Protein backbone atom coordinates (compact mmCIF):
# COMPACT_ATOMS: atom_id res chain seq x y z
CA UNK A 1 186.83 55.40 111.04
CA UNK A 2 187.03 58.23 108.78
CA UNK A 3 189.56 58.16 105.76
CA UNK A 4 191.99 60.67 107.38
CA UNK A 5 192.47 58.52 110.48
CA UNK A 6 192.66 55.41 108.18
CA UNK A 7 195.36 57.01 106.23
CA UNK A 8 197.29 58.02 109.21
CA UNK A 9 197.06 54.48 110.58
CA UNK A 10 198.00 52.88 107.31
CA UNK A 11 201.07 55.23 106.95
CA UNK A 12 202.23 54.41 110.49
CA UNK A 13 201.87 58.06 111.49
CA UNK A 14 200.96 59.07 114.96
CA UNK A 15 197.16 60.29 115.51
CA UNK A 16 198.34 62.75 118.19
CA UNK A 17 198.99 65.38 115.39
CA UNK A 18 195.24 65.57 115.18
CA UNK A 19 195.15 68.06 118.10
CA UNK A 20 197.04 70.58 115.90
CA UNK A 21 194.30 70.20 113.17
CA UNK A 22 191.35 70.42 115.49
CA UNK A 23 192.60 73.19 117.80
CA UNK A 24 190.55 76.39 117.26
CA UNK A 25 192.29 79.01 115.12
CA UNK A 26 191.66 81.71 117.85
CA UNK A 27 190.90 81.29 121.53
CA UNK A 28 190.99 83.84 124.36
CA UNK A 29 190.62 83.74 128.19
CA UNK A 30 190.30 86.92 130.20
CA UNK A 31 189.82 87.39 133.87
CA UNK A 32 189.89 90.28 136.52
CA UNK A 33 192.41 90.95 139.38
CA UNK A 34 190.06 93.28 141.20
CA UNK A 35 186.42 93.07 142.27
CA UNK A 36 183.90 95.00 140.27
CA UNK A 37 180.59 96.66 141.19
CA UNK A 38 177.71 95.79 139.05
CA UNK A 39 174.57 97.76 139.04
CA UNK A 40 171.12 97.03 138.14
CA UNK A 41 171.57 99.50 135.17
CA UNK A 42 174.10 96.96 133.83
CA UNK A 43 177.85 96.98 133.89
CA UNK A 44 180.39 96.13 131.04
CA UNK A 45 182.94 93.92 132.48
CA UNK A 46 186.27 95.26 132.13
CA UNK A 47 189.04 92.70 131.85
CA UNK A 48 192.40 93.02 133.50
CA UNK A 49 194.29 89.91 133.00
CA UNK A 50 194.90 87.56 129.98
CA UNK A 51 195.35 83.90 130.85
CA UNK A 52 195.44 82.46 127.24
CA UNK A 53 195.57 84.27 124.02
CA UNK A 54 195.68 82.78 120.55
CA UNK A 55 195.14 85.68 117.91
CA UNK A 56 192.92 88.26 119.75
CA UNK A 57 193.45 91.96 120.52
CA UNK A 58 191.61 93.15 123.56
CA UNK A 59 191.64 96.33 125.76
CA UNK A 60 189.49 96.77 128.84
CA UNK A 61 185.91 95.55 128.18
CA UNK A 62 186.40 95.24 124.27
CA UNK A 63 187.60 92.12 122.36
CA UNK A 64 188.36 92.41 118.65
CA UNK A 65 187.48 89.36 116.47
CA UNK A 66 190.60 88.29 114.61
CA UNK A 67 188.87 86.65 111.57
CA UNK A 68 185.40 85.84 110.56
CA UNK A 69 183.72 82.76 111.69
CA UNK A 70 181.51 81.18 114.28
CA UNK A 71 182.50 81.71 117.95
CA UNK A 72 181.42 80.31 121.26
CA UNK A 73 181.56 82.73 124.16
CA UNK A 74 181.25 81.61 127.79
CA UNK A 75 181.07 84.29 130.60
CA UNK A 76 180.97 83.26 134.27
CA UNK A 77 181.32 85.01 137.48
CA UNK A 78 180.35 84.96 141.23
CA UNK A 79 178.39 87.74 142.64
CA UNK A 80 178.68 89.03 146.31
CA UNK A 81 174.91 88.94 146.52
CA UNK A 82 172.52 86.25 145.56
CA UNK A 83 170.59 87.51 142.54
CA UNK A 84 169.06 86.68 139.18
CA UNK A 85 170.97 88.34 136.07
CA UNK A 86 171.06 88.46 132.47
CA UNK A 87 173.95 89.24 130.06
CA UNK A 88 173.90 91.34 127.00
CA UNK A 89 176.33 90.86 124.16
CA UNK A 90 177.22 93.93 122.34
CA UNK A 91 178.88 94.14 118.93
CA UNK A 92 180.33 97.36 117.86
CA UNK A 93 178.62 99.08 120.76
CA UNK A 94 175.16 97.70 119.81
CA UNK A 95 173.26 95.31 121.97
CA UNK A 96 172.48 92.43 119.70
CA UNK A 97 171.28 89.87 122.00
CA UNK A 98 171.02 88.23 125.35
CA UNK A 99 173.35 85.67 126.59
CA UNK A 100 171.64 82.62 127.86
CA UNK A 101 169.47 83.91 131.03
CA UNK A 102 170.79 82.95 134.44
CA UNK A 103 167.16 83.04 135.84
CA UNK A 104 168.03 81.37 139.17
CA UNK A 105 168.78 83.43 142.28
CA UNK A 106 172.41 82.63 142.96
CA UNK A 107 175.80 83.94 143.39
CA UNK A 108 177.21 81.89 140.46
CA UNK A 109 176.15 83.02 137.05
CA UNK A 110 177.22 81.57 133.64
CA UNK A 111 176.16 82.77 130.11
CA UNK A 112 177.01 81.20 126.90
CA UNK A 113 176.33 82.41 123.30
CA UNK A 114 177.44 81.10 119.95
CA UNK A 115 177.36 83.66 116.97
CA UNK A 116 178.92 84.38 113.65
CA UNK A 117 181.24 87.46 113.70
CA UNK A 118 183.15 89.19 111.03
CA UNK A 119 186.85 90.25 111.09
CA UNK A 120 187.22 93.39 113.18
CA UNK A 121 184.01 93.13 115.17
CA UNK A 122 184.33 94.59 118.63
CA UNK A 123 182.51 92.80 121.24
CA UNK A 124 181.98 93.15 124.94
CA UNK A 125 179.60 91.72 127.66
CA UNK A 126 177.35 93.67 129.94
CA UNK A 127 175.92 92.03 133.15
CA UNK A 128 172.52 93.19 134.49
CA UNK A 129 171.70 91.89 137.90
CA UNK A 130 168.41 92.21 139.70
CA UNK A 131 169.98 93.82 142.74
CA UNK A 132 173.40 95.67 143.01
CA UNK A 133 176.25 93.47 143.76
CA UNK A 134 180.07 92.92 143.13
CA UNK A 135 181.89 90.34 140.98
CA UNK A 136 184.14 88.39 143.23
CA UNK A 137 187.53 87.29 142.26
CA UNK A 138 188.66 83.67 142.64
CA UNK A 139 191.54 81.91 140.65
CA UNK A 140 190.80 79.45 137.81
CA UNK A 141 190.43 75.83 139.20
CA UNK A 142 189.39 76.96 142.85
CA UNK A 143 186.08 76.98 144.47
CA UNK A 144 183.66 79.73 142.98
CA UNK A 145 186.26 80.67 140.22
CA UNK A 146 185.34 84.05 138.88
CA UNK A 147 185.05 86.08 136.73
CA UNK A 148 186.18 84.56 133.35
CA UNK A 149 185.31 84.94 129.66
CA UNK A 150 186.31 82.27 127.32
CA UNK A 151 186.10 82.89 123.61
CA UNK A 152 186.85 80.08 121.10
CA UNK A 153 186.47 80.21 117.20
CA UNK A 154 184.66 77.22 116.01
CA UNK A 155 184.96 77.71 112.24
CA UNK A 156 187.33 79.85 110.03
CA UNK A 157 190.97 80.28 110.62
CA UNK A 158 193.77 82.72 111.32
């Protein structure tokens, strides 16, 4: 047991306060409320609905990083057509890398990337399918939930 937990136990304090210490400083979940056409030329996903927000500013497709640190980003969606796809992460309008490739021909696609960002970076995600399709809409916790982007700060603080 680490010394922090030992001190908590020795002083008769509750360990449920650990959640407050381990909770990321910034976290965001966005989705859409309407289907979106995605083309083989690539389509930036425009977000419409915020389901969770701890420290972020966002507008349309753009999300502004609130403070420097490492972030984990997960993007998932269901396409109306079975296809292979890849995702591009853009920072300040520049494509800086690919999300993990979703190379299986499927309607369900999920992309994940971890990267260091600095305060004020503006990010967005572009999806490029092999065939034109649409991004279907389904609520969280339902079959084929889609689309969602989850952004969690791993290091740093607000």
